[in-house]
All heavy atoms as atom14 arrays in JSON, in Angstrom:
{
  "sequence": "YCLLTLGASHNRAGSMQAWQPGEVMSMDSGGNYRGYIGDLCRMAAL",
  "atom14_mask": [
    [1, 1, 1, 1, 1, 1, 1, 1, 1, 1, 1, 1, 0, 0],
    [1, 1, 1, 1, 1, 1, 0, 0, 0, 0, 0, 0, 0, 0],
    [1, 1, 1, 1, 1, 1, 1, 1, 0, 0, 0, 0, 0, 0],
    [1, 1, 1, 1, 1, 1, 1, 1, 0, 0, 0, 0, 0, 0],
    [1, 1, 1, 1, 1, 1, 1, 0, 0, 0, 0, 0, 0, 0],
    [1, 1, 1, 1, 1, 1, 1, 1, 0, 0, 0, 0, 0, 0],
    [1, 1, 1, 1, 0, 0, 0, 0, 0, 0, 0, 0, 0, 0],
    [1, 1, 1, 1, 1, 0, 0, 0, 0, 0, 0, 0, 0, 0],
    [1, 1, 1, 1, 1, 1, 0, 0, 0, 0, 0, 0, 0, 0],
    [1, 1, 1, 1, 1, 1, 1, 1, 1, 1, 0, 0, 0, 0],
    [1, 1, 1, 1, 1, 1, 1, 1, 0, 0, 0, 0, 0, 0],
    [1, 1, 1, 1, 1, 1, 1, 1, 1, 1, 1, 0, 0, 0],
    [1, 1, 1, 1, 1, 0, 0, 0, 0, 0, 0, 0, 0, 0],
    [1, 1, 1, 1, 0, 0, 0, 0, 0, 0, 0, 0, 0, 0],
    [1, 1, 1, 1, 1, 1, 0, 0, 0, 0, 0, 0, 0, 0],
    [1, 1, 1, 1, 1, 1, 1, 1, 0, 0, 0, 0, 0, 0],
    [1, 1, 1, 1, 1, 1, 1, 1, 1, 0, 0, 0, 0, 0],
    [1, 1, 1, 1, 1, 0, 0, 0, 0, 0, 0, 0, 0, 0],
    [1, 1, 1, 1, 1, 1, 1, 1, 1, 1, 1, 1, 1, 1],
    [1, 1, 1, 1, 1, 1, 1, 1, 1, 0, 0, 0, 0, 0],
    [1, 1, 1, 1, 1, 1, 1, 0, 0, 0, 0, 0, 0, 0],
    [1, 1, 1, 1, 0, 0, 0, 0, 0, 0, 0, 0, 0, 0],
    [1, 1, 1, 1, 1, 1, 1, 1, 1, 0, 0, 0, 0, 0],
    [1, 1, 1, 1, 1, 1, 1, 0, 0, 0, 0, 0, 0, 0],
    [1, 1, 1, 1, 1, 1, 1, 1, 0, 0, 0, 0, 0, 0],
    [1, 1, 1, 1, 1, 1, 0, 0, 0, 0, 0, 0, 0, 0],
    [1, 1, 1, 1, 1, 1, 1, 1, 0, 0, 0, 0, 0, 0],
    [1, 1, 1, 1, 1, 1, 1, 1, 0, 0, 0, 0, 0, 0],
    [1, 1, 1, 1, 1, 1, 0, 0, 0, 0, 0, 0, 0, 0],
    [1, 1, 1, 1, 0, 0, 0, 0, 0, 0, 0, 0, 0, 0],
    [1, 1, 1, 1, 0, 0, 0, 0, 0, 0, 0, 0, 0, 0],
    [1, 1, 1, 1, 1, 1, 1, 1, 0, 0, 0, 0, 0, 0],
    [1, 1, 1, 1, 1, 1, 1, 1, 1, 1, 1, 1, 0, 0],
    [1, 1, 1, 1, 1, 1, 1, 1, 1, 1, 1, 0, 0, 0],
    [1, 1, 1, 1, 0, 0, 0, 0, 0, 0, 0, 0, 0, 0],
    [1, 1, 1, 1, 1, 1, 1, 1, 1, 1, 1, 1, 0, 0],
    [1, 1, 1, 1, 1, 1, 1, 1, 0, 0, 0, 0, 0, 0],
    [1, 1, 1, 1, 0, 0, 0, 0, 0, 0, 0, 0, 0, 0],
    [1, 1, 1, 1, 1, 1, 1, 1, 0, 0, 0, 0, 0, 0],
    [1, 1, 1, 1, 1, 1, 1, 1, 0, 0, 0, 0, 0, 0],
    [1, 1, 1, 1, 1, 1, 0, 0, 0, 0, 0, 0, 0, 0],
    [1, 1, 1, 1, 1, 1, 1, 1, 1, 1, 1, 0, 0, 0],
    [1, 1, 1, 1, 1, 1, 1, 1, 0, 0, 0, 0, 0, 0],
    [1, 1, 1, 1, 1, 0, 0, 0, 0, 0, 0, 0, 0, 0],
    [1, 1, 1, 1, 1, 0, 0, 0, 0, 0, 0, 0, 0, 0],
    [1, 1, 1, 1, 1, 1, 1, 1, 0, 0, 0, 0, 0, 0]
  ],
  "atom14_positions": [
    [[99.97, 108.27, 112.65], [101.13, 108.54, 111.8], [101.01, 107.76, 110.5], [100.23, 106.81, 110.38], [102.44, 108.15, 112.5], [102.55, 106.67, 112.79], [103.02, 105.78, 111.84], [102.18, 106.16, 114.04], [103.11, 104.43, 112.09], [102.26, 104.81, 114.31], [102.73, 103.95, 113.33], [102.82, 102.61, 113.59], [0.0, 0.0, 0.0], [0.0, 0.0, 0.0]],
    [[101.83, 108.16, 109.55], [102.03, 107.39, 108.32], [103.51, 107.46, 107.98], [104.06, 108.55, 107.78], [101.2, 107.94, 107.17], [101.52, 107.1, 105.6], [0.0, 0.0, 0.0], [0.0, 0.0, 0.0], [0.0, 0.0, 0.0], [0.0, 0.0, 0.0], [0.0, 0.0, 0.0], [0.0, 0.0, 0.0], [0.0, 0.0, 0.0], [0.0, 0.0, 0.0]],
    [[104.17, 106.3, 107.95], [105.56, 106.19, 107.5], [105.51, 105.73, 106.05], [105.05, 104.63, 105.75], [106.32, 105.2, 108.37], [106.34, 105.52, 109.87], [107.01, 104.4, 110.65], [107.03, 106.85, 110.12], [0.0, 0.0, 0.0], [0.0, 0.0, 0.0], [0.0, 0.0, 0.0], [0.0, 0.0, 0.0], [0.0, 0.0, 0.0], [0.0, 0.0, 0.0]],
    [[105.99, 106.58, 105.15], [105.75, 106.38, 103.72], [107.05, 106.42, 102.93], [107.88, 107.31, 103.15], [104.8, 107.47, 103.21], [104.3, 107.36, 101.78], [103.25, 106.26, 101.67], [103.71, 108.69, 101.33], [0.0, 0.0, 0.0], [0.0, 0.0, 0.0], [0.0, 0.0, 0.0], [0.0, 0.0, 0.0], [0.0, 0.0, 0.0], [0.0, 0.0, 0.0]],
    [[107.24, 105.47, 102.01], [108.35, 105.55, 101.07], [107.83, 105.46, 99.64], [106.8, 104.83, 99.38], [109.4, 104.43, 101.28], [108.82, 103.17, 100.93], [109.89, 104.4, 102.71], [0.0, 0.0, 0.0], [0.0, 0.0, 0.0], [0.0, 0.0, 0.0], [0.0, 0.0, 0.0], [0.0, 0.0, 0.0], [0.0, 0.0, 0.0], [0.0, 0.0, 0.0]],
    [[108.55, 106.07, 98.73], [108.27, 106.0, 97.3], [109.55, 105.65, 96.57], [110.64, 106.15, 96.92], [107.75, 107.34, 96.78], [106.45, 107.89, 97.38], [106.13, 109.26, 96.8], [105.29, 106.93, 97.16], [0.0, 0.0, 0.0], [0.0, 0.0, 0.0], [0.0, 0.0, 0.0], [0.0, 0.0, 0.0], [0.0, 0.0, 0.0], [0.0, 0.0, 0.0]],
    [[109.44, 104.81, 95.56], [110.59, 104.5, 94.72], [111.69, 103.77, 95.47], [111.44, 102.98, 96.38], [0.0, 0.0, 0.0], [0.0, 0.0, 0.0], [0.0, 0.0, 0.0], [0.0, 0.0, 0.0], [0.0, 0.0, 0.0], [0.0, 0.0, 0.0], [0.0, 0.0, 0.0], [0.0, 0.0, 0.0], [0.0, 0.0, 0.0], [0.0, 0.0, 0.0]],
    [[112.94, 104.05, 95.11], [114.08, 103.34, 95.68], [114.5, 103.87, 97.05], [115.35, 103.28, 97.71], [115.27, 103.43, 94.72], [0.0, 0.0, 0.0], [0.0, 0.0, 0.0], [0.0, 0.0, 0.0], [0.0, 0.0, 0.0], [0.0, 0.0, 0.0], [0.0, 0.0, 0.0], [0.0, 0.0, 0.0], [0.0, 0.0, 0.0], [0.0, 0.0, 0.0]],
    [[113.9, 104.96, 97.49], [114.29, 105.58, 98.75], [113.85, 104.73, 99.94], [112.81, 104.07, 99.92], [113.67, 106.97, 98.86], [113.9, 107.52, 100.14], [0.0, 0.0, 0.0], [0.0, 0.0, 0.0], [0.0, 0.0, 0.0], [0.0, 0.0, 0.0], [0.0, 0.0, 0.0], [0.0, 0.0, 0.0], [0.0, 0.0, 0.0], [0.0, 0.0, 0.0]],
    [[114.67, 104.78, 101.01], [114.31, 104.16, 102.27], [113.87, 105.2, 103.3], [113.64, 104.85, 104.46], [115.5, 103.37, 102.83], [115.95, 102.25, 101.94], [117.18, 101.65, 102.04], [115.32, 101.61, 100.91], [117.31, 100.7, 101.13], [116.18, 100.66, 100.43], [0.0, 0.0, 0.0], [0.0, 0.0, 0.0], [0.0, 0.0, 0.0], [0.0, 0.0, 0.0]],
    [[113.77, 106.43, 102.9], [113.39, 107.53, 103.8], [111.86, 107.55, 103.95], [111.14, 107.76, 102.97], [113.89, 108.86, 103.22], [113.67, 110.02, 104.18], [112.71, 110.06, 104.93], [114.58, 110.99, 104.14], [0.0, 0.0, 0.0], [0.0, 0.0, 0.0], [0.0, 0.0, 0.0], [0.0, 0.0, 0.0], [0.0, 0.0, 0.0], [0.0, 0.0, 0.0]],
    [[111.38, 107.37, 105.19], [109.94, 107.26, 105.42], [109.29, 108.54, 105.93], [108.12, 108.54, 106.31], [109.65, 106.12, 106.39], [110.11, 104.77, 105.86], [109.38, 103.62, 106.52], [109.83, 103.38, 107.89], [109.22, 102.54, 108.72], [108.13, 101.9, 108.33], [109.69, 102.34, 109.93], [0.0, 0.0, 0.0], [0.0, 0.0, 0.0], [0.0, 0.0, 0.0]],
    [[110.03, 109.64, 105.93], [109.48, 110.92, 106.37], [108.72, 111.6, 105.24], [109.0, 111.39, 104.05], [110.6, 111.84, 106.86], [0.0, 0.0, 0.0], [0.0, 0.0, 0.0], [0.0, 0.0, 0.0], [0.0, 0.0, 0.0], [0.0, 0.0, 0.0], [0.0, 0.0, 0.0], [0.0, 0.0, 0.0], [0.0, 0.0, 0.0], [0.0, 0.0, 0.0]],
    [[107.75, 112.44, 105.6], [107.01, 113.2, 104.61], [107.92, 114.16, 103.86], [108.89, 114.69, 104.42], [0.0, 0.0, 0.0], [0.0, 0.0, 0.0], [0.0, 0.0, 0.0], [0.0, 0.0, 0.0], [0.0, 0.0, 0.0], [0.0, 0.0, 0.0], [0.0, 0.0, 0.0], [0.0, 0.0, 0.0], [0.0, 0.0, 0.0], [0.0, 0.0, 0.0]],
    [[107.63, 114.4, 102.58], [108.46, 115.31, 101.77], [107.7, 115.66, 100.5], [106.56, 115.23, 100.29], [109.8, 114.65, 101.42], [109.61, 113.64, 100.43], [0.0, 0.0, 0.0], [0.0, 0.0, 0.0], [0.0, 0.0, 0.0], [0.0, 0.0, 0.0], [0.0, 0.0, 0.0], [0.0, 0.0, 0.0], [0.0, 0.0, 0.0], [0.0, 0.0, 0.0]],
    [[108.36, 116.43, 99.64], [107.78, 116.79, 98.36], [108.15, 115.78, 97.26], [107.86, 116.01, 96.08], [108.23, 118.19, 97.96], [107.66, 119.29, 98.85], [105.85, 119.3, 98.87], [105.5, 119.76, 97.15], [0.0, 0.0, 0.0], [0.0, 0.0, 0.0], [0.0, 0.0, 0.0], [0.0, 0.0, 0.0], [0.0, 0.0, 0.0], [0.0, 0.0, 0.0]],
    [[108.79, 114.67, 97.63], [109.06, 113.63, 96.64], [107.75, 113.18, 96.01], [106.76, 112.94, 96.7], [109.75, 112.44, 97.3], [110.07, 111.31, 96.32], [110.61, 110.07, 97.02], [110.8, 110.05, 98.24], [110.85, 109.02, 96.25], [0.0, 0.0, 0.0], [0.0, 0.0, 0.0], [0.0, 0.0, 0.0], [0.0, 0.0, 0.0], [0.0, 0.0, 0.0]],
    [[107.72, 113.04, 94.68], [106.5, 112.68, 93.96], [106.59, 111.25, 93.45], [107.66, 110.76, 93.07], [106.27, 113.64, 92.8], [0.0, 0.0, 0.0], [0.0, 0.0, 0.0], [0.0, 0.0, 0.0], [0.0, 0.0, 0.0], [0.0, 0.0, 0.0], [0.0, 0.0, 0.0], [0.0, 0.0, 0.0], [0.0, 0.0, 0.0], [0.0, 0.0, 0.0]],
    [[105.45, 110.6, 93.43], [105.36, 109.2, 92.96], [105.45, 109.18, 91.44], [104.76, 109.94, 90.74], [104.04, 108.61, 93.43], [104.04, 107.12, 93.53], [105.11, 106.28, 93.54], [102.88, 106.29, 93.68], [104.71, 104.98, 93.69], [103.34, 104.94, 93.78], [101.51, 106.53, 93.75], [102.48, 103.86, 93.93], [100.65, 105.46, 93.91], [101.13, 104.13, 94.0]],
    [[106.29, 108.28, 90.93], [106.53, 108.18, 89.5], [106.15, 106.78, 88.98], [106.18, 105.81, 89.73], [108.0, 108.47, 89.18], [108.48, 109.84, 89.63], [107.72, 110.98, 88.98], [107.27, 110.85, 87.82], [107.57, 112.09, 89.69], [0.0, 0.0, 0.0], [0.0, 0.0, 0.0], [0.0, 0.0, 0.0], [0.0, 0.0, 0.0], [0.0, 0.0, 0.0]],
    [[105.78, 106.67, 87.7], [105.41, 105.37, 87.13], [106.5, 104.32, 87.35], [107.69, 104.6, 87.23], [105.22, 105.67, 85.65], [104.84, 107.12, 85.62], [105.63, 107.77, 86.72], [0.0, 0.0, 0.0], [0.0, 0.0, 0.0], [0.0, 0.0, 0.0], [0.0, 0.0, 0.0], [0.0, 0.0, 0.0], [0.0, 0.0, 0.0], [0.0, 0.0, 0.0]],
    [[106.06, 103.11, 87.71], [106.98, 102.0, 87.94], [107.53, 101.92, 89.34], [108.16, 100.93, 89.7], [0.0, 0.0, 0.0], [0.0, 0.0, 0.0], [0.0, 0.0, 0.0], [0.0, 0.0, 0.0], [0.0, 0.0, 0.0], [0.0, 0.0, 0.0], [0.0, 0.0, 0.0], [0.0, 0.0, 0.0], [0.0, 0.0, 0.0], [0.0, 0.0, 0.0]],
    [[107.29, 102.97, 90.15], [107.83, 102.99, 91.5], [106.89, 102.28, 92.48], [105.68, 102.22, 92.29], [108.06, 104.42, 91.97], [109.19, 105.13, 91.26], [109.47, 106.49, 91.84], [108.58, 107.06, 92.51], [110.58, 107.0, 91.63], [0.0, 0.0, 0.0], [0.0, 0.0, 0.0], [0.0, 0.0, 0.0], [0.0, 0.0, 0.0], [0.0, 0.0, 0.0]],
    [[107.52, 101.81, 93.59], [106.73, 101.19, 94.66], [106.39, 102.24, 95.72], [107.02, 103.29, 95.81], [107.5, 100.02, 95.31], [107.9, 99.0, 94.27], [108.7, 100.52, 96.1], [0.0, 0.0, 0.0], [0.0, 0.0, 0.0], [0.0, 0.0, 0.0], [0.0, 0.0, 0.0], [0.0, 0.0, 0.0], [0.0, 0.0, 0.0], [0.0, 0.0, 0.0]],
    [[105.36, 101.93, 96.5], [104.99, 102.71, 97.67], [104.82, 101.74, 98.84], [104.15, 100.72, 98.72], [103.67, 103.46, 97.46], [103.13, 104.14, 98.73], [101.36, 104.53, 98.64], [101.35, 105.73, 97.31], [0.0, 0.0, 0.0], [0.0, 0.0, 0.0], [0.0, 0.0, 0.0], [0.0, 0.0, 0.0], [0.0, 0.0, 0.0], [0.0, 0.0, 0.0]],
    [[105.48, 102.04, 99.96], [105.17, 101.31, 101.19], [104.46, 102.28, 102.12], [104.89, 103.43, 102.3], [106.44, 100.77, 101.85], [107.2, 101.8, 102.44], [0.0, 0.0, 0.0], [0.0, 0.0, 0.0], [0.0, 0.0, 0.0], [0.0, 0.0, 0.0], [0.0, 0.0, 0.0], [0.0, 0.0, 0.0], [0.0, 0.0, 0.0], [0.0, 0.0, 0.0]],
    [[103.34, 101.83, 102.68], [102.53, 102.67, 103.56], [102.35, 101.94, 104.88], [101.68, 100.92, 104.97], [101.17, 102.96, 102.9], [100.27, 103.86, 103.73], [98.73, 104.25, 102.84], [99.35, 105.41, 101.6], [0.0, 0.0, 0.0], [0.0, 0.0, 0.0], [0.0, 0.0, 0.0], [0.0, 0.0, 0.0], [0.0, 0.0, 0.0], [0.0, 0.0, 0.0]],
    [[103.0, 102.46, 105.92], [102.96, 101.9, 107.26], [102.23, 102.91, 108.13], [102.74, 104.0, 108.39], [104.38, 101.67, 107.76], [104.44, 100.92, 109.09], [103.42, 100.9, 109.81], [105.51, 100.37, 109.4], [0.0, 0.0, 0.0], [0.0, 0.0, 0.0], [0.0, 0.0, 0.0], [0.0, 0.0, 0.0], [0.0, 0.0, 0.0], [0.0, 0.0, 0.0]],
    [[101.01, 102.56, 108.56], [100.2, 103.54, 109.28], [99.76, 103.02, 110.63], [99.4, 101.85, 110.79], [98.97, 103.92, 108.46], [98.19, 104.88, 109.17], [0.0, 0.0, 0.0], [0.0, 0.0, 0.0], [0.0, 0.0, 0.0], [0.0, 0.0, 0.0], [0.0, 0.0, 0.0], [0.0, 0.0, 0.0], [0.0, 0.0, 0.0], [0.0, 0.0, 0.0]],
    [[99.79, 103.91, 111.59], [99.26, 103.64, 112.92], [98.14, 104.61, 113.21], [98.25, 105.82, 112.98], [0.0, 0.0, 0.0], [0.0, 0.0, 0.0], [0.0, 0.0, 0.0], [0.0, 0.0, 0.0], [0.0, 0.0, 0.0], [0.0, 0.0, 0.0], [0.0, 0.0, 0.0], [0.0, 0.0, 0.0], [0.0, 0.0, 0.0], [0.0, 0.0, 0.0]],
    [[97.04, 104.07, 113.68], [95.91, 104.87, 114.12], [95.23, 104.12, 115.23], [95.59, 102.98, 115.53], [0.0, 0.0, 0.0], [0.0, 0.0, 0.0], [0.0, 0.0, 0.0], [0.0, 0.0, 0.0], [0.0, 0.0, 0.0], [0.0, 0.0, 0.0], [0.0, 0.0, 0.0], [0.0, 0.0, 0.0], [0.0, 0.0, 0.0], [0.0, 0.0, 0.0]],
    [[94.25, 104.74, 115.85], [93.55, 103.99, 116.89], [92.05, 104.21, 116.83], [91.58, 105.25, 116.37], [94.12, 104.28, 118.28], [93.76, 105.65, 118.81], [92.61, 105.87, 119.23], [94.7, 106.58, 118.81], [0.0, 0.0, 0.0], [0.0, 0.0, 0.0], [0.0, 0.0, 0.0], [0.0, 0.0, 0.0], [0.0, 0.0, 0.0], [0.0, 0.0, 0.0]],
    [[91.34, 103.22, 117.32], [89.89, 103.26, 117.39], [89.5, 103.1, 118.85], [89.74, 102.05, 119.45], [89.29, 102.14, 116.53], [87.78, 102.14, 116.49], [87.09, 103.18, 115.89], [87.06, 101.11, 117.07], [85.7, 103.19, 115.85], [85.67, 101.1, 117.03], [85.01, 102.14, 116.43], [83.63, 102.16, 116.4], [0.0, 0.0, 0.0], [0.0, 0.0, 0.0]],
    [[88.98, 104.2, 119.41], [88.61, 104.22, 120.83], [89.78, 103.82, 121.72], [89.62, 103.14, 122.73], [87.39, 103.34, 121.09], [86.15, 103.78, 120.3], [84.95, 102.94, 120.62], [83.8, 103.36, 119.8], [82.61, 102.78, 119.83], [82.38, 101.77, 120.66], [81.63, 103.21, 119.05], [0.0, 0.0, 0.0], [0.0, 0.0, 0.0], [0.0, 0.0, 0.0]],
    [[90.98, 104.24, 121.31], [92.17, 103.99, 122.11], [92.95, 102.76, 121.73], [94.11, 102.62, 122.12], [0.0, 0.0, 0.0], [0.0, 0.0, 0.0], [0.0, 0.0, 0.0], [0.0, 0.0, 0.0], [0.0, 0.0, 0.0], [0.0, 0.0, 0.0], [0.0, 0.0, 0.0], [0.0, 0.0, 0.0], [0.0, 0.0, 0.0], [0.0, 0.0, 0.0]],
    [[92.36, 101.85, 120.96], [93.04, 100.6, 120.61], [93.75, 100.75, 119.26], [93.21, 101.31, 118.32], [92.05, 99.44, 120.6], [91.74, 99.01, 122.02], [90.78, 99.69, 122.77], [92.44, 97.97, 122.63], [90.51, 99.34, 124.09], [92.18, 97.61, 123.94], [91.22, 98.3, 124.66], [90.98, 97.95, 125.97], [0.0, 0.0, 0.0], [0.0, 0.0, 0.0]],
    [[94.97, 100.22, 119.21], [95.9, 100.5, 118.13], [95.67, 99.62, 116.9], [95.46, 98.41, 117.02], [97.35, 100.3, 118.61], [97.66, 101.23, 119.79], [98.34, 100.51, 117.48], [97.63, 102.69, 119.46], [0.0, 0.0, 0.0], [0.0, 0.0, 0.0], [0.0, 0.0, 0.0], [0.0, 0.0, 0.0], [0.0, 0.0, 0.0], [0.0, 0.0, 0.0]],
    [[95.74, 100.24, 115.75], [95.9, 99.53, 114.49], [97.24, 99.92, 113.91], [97.59, 101.1, 113.9], [0.0, 0.0, 0.0], [0.0, 0.0, 0.0], [0.0, 0.0, 0.0], [0.0, 0.0, 0.0], [0.0, 0.0, 0.0], [0.0, 0.0, 0.0], [0.0, 0.0, 0.0], [0.0, 0.0, 0.0], [0.0, 0.0, 0.0], [0.0, 0.0, 0.0]],
    [[98.02, 98.96, 113.46], [99.37, 99.23, 112.95], [99.68, 98.21, 111.87], [99.97, 97.05, 112.15], [100.38, 99.14, 114.09], [101.81, 99.45, 113.64], [101.99, 99.94, 112.5], [102.74, 99.2, 114.41], [0.0, 0.0, 0.0], [0.0, 0.0, 0.0], [0.0, 0.0, 0.0], [0.0, 0.0, 0.0], [0.0, 0.0, 0.0], [0.0, 0.0, 0.0]],
    [[99.57, 98.63, 110.61], [99.75, 97.71, 109.49], [100.58, 98.36, 108.39], [100.68, 99.6, 108.34], [98.39, 97.28, 108.91], [97.44, 96.59, 109.89], [96.38, 97.58, 110.36], [96.8, 95.36, 109.28], [0.0, 0.0, 0.0], [0.0, 0.0, 0.0], [0.0, 0.0, 0.0], [0.0, 0.0, 0.0], [0.0, 0.0, 0.0], [0.0, 0.0, 0.0]],
    [[101.12, 97.54, 107.51], [101.85, 98.06, 106.36], [101.41, 97.3, 105.12], [101.28, 96.07, 105.14], [103.36, 97.91, 106.55], [104.34, 98.7, 105.24], [0.0, 0.0, 0.0], [0.0, 0.0, 0.0], [0.0, 0.0, 0.0], [0.0, 0.0, 0.0], [0.0, 0.0, 0.0], [0.0, 0.0, 0.0], [0.0, 0.0, 0.0], [0.0, 0.0, 0.0]],
    [[101.17, 98.07, 104.04], [100.76, 97.5, 102.77], [101.59, 98.14, 101.65], [102.15, 99.22, 101.81], [99.26, 97.73, 102.53], [98.36, 97.01, 103.55], [98.42, 95.51, 103.38], [97.51, 94.8, 104.27], [97.9, 94.2, 105.39], [99.16, 94.29, 105.78], [97.03, 93.53, 106.13], [0.0, 0.0, 0.0], [0.0, 0.0, 0.0], [0.0, 0.0, 0.0]],
    [[101.6, 97.46, 100.48], [102.44, 97.88, 99.37], [101.6, 98.21, 98.14], [100.56, 97.61, 97.9], [103.41, 96.75, 99.0], [104.41, 96.37, 100.09], [105.53, 97.73, 100.55], [106.25, 98.13, 98.95], [0.0, 0.0, 0.0], [0.0, 0.0, 0.0], [0.0, 0.0, 0.0], [0.0, 0.0, 0.0], [0.0, 0.0, 0.0], [0.0, 0.0, 0.0]],
    [[102.08, 99.18, 97.36], [101.44, 99.54, 96.1], [102.51, 99.79, 95.04], [103.68, 100.04, 95.36], [100.57, 100.78, 96.28], [0.0, 0.0, 0.0], [0.0, 0.0, 0.0], [0.0, 0.0, 0.0], [0.0, 0.0, 0.0], [0.0, 0.0, 0.0], [0.0, 0.0, 0.0], [0.0, 0.0, 0.0], [0.0, 0.0, 0.0], [0.0, 0.0, 0.0]],
    [[102.1, 99.72, 93.8], [102.98, 100.05, 92.67], [102.21, 100.95, 91.72], [101.0, 100.78, 91.54], [103.43, 98.79, 91.95], [0.0, 0.0, 0.0], [0.0, 0.0, 0.0], [0.0, 0.0, 0.0], [0.0, 0.0, 0.0], [0.0, 0.0, 0.0], [0.0, 0.0, 0.0], [0.0, 0.0, 0.0], [0.0, 0.0, 0.0], [0.0, 0.0, 0.0]],
    [[102.9, 101.92, 91.14], [102.26, 102.8, 90.17], [102.47, 102.17, 88.79], [103.49, 102.36, 88.13], [102.87, 104.2, 90.23], [102.11, 105.27, 89.44], [100.63, 105.29, 89.82], [102.72, 106.65, 89.68], [0.0, 0.0, 0.0], [0.0, 0.0, 0.0], [0.0, 0.0, 0.0], [0.0, 0.0, 0.0], [0.0, 0.0, 0.0], [0.0, 0.0, 0.0]]
  ]
}
């Protein structure tokens, strides 16, 4: 999965919202490698 927000929104569901200059992005992703979980969150700014 990827739980993603852009800008001032707290909604982490996928949508057609587009990233705009000056906005933040939070990216919280879960994936696994041979069954073992990776779950991290990192931040970006445009």
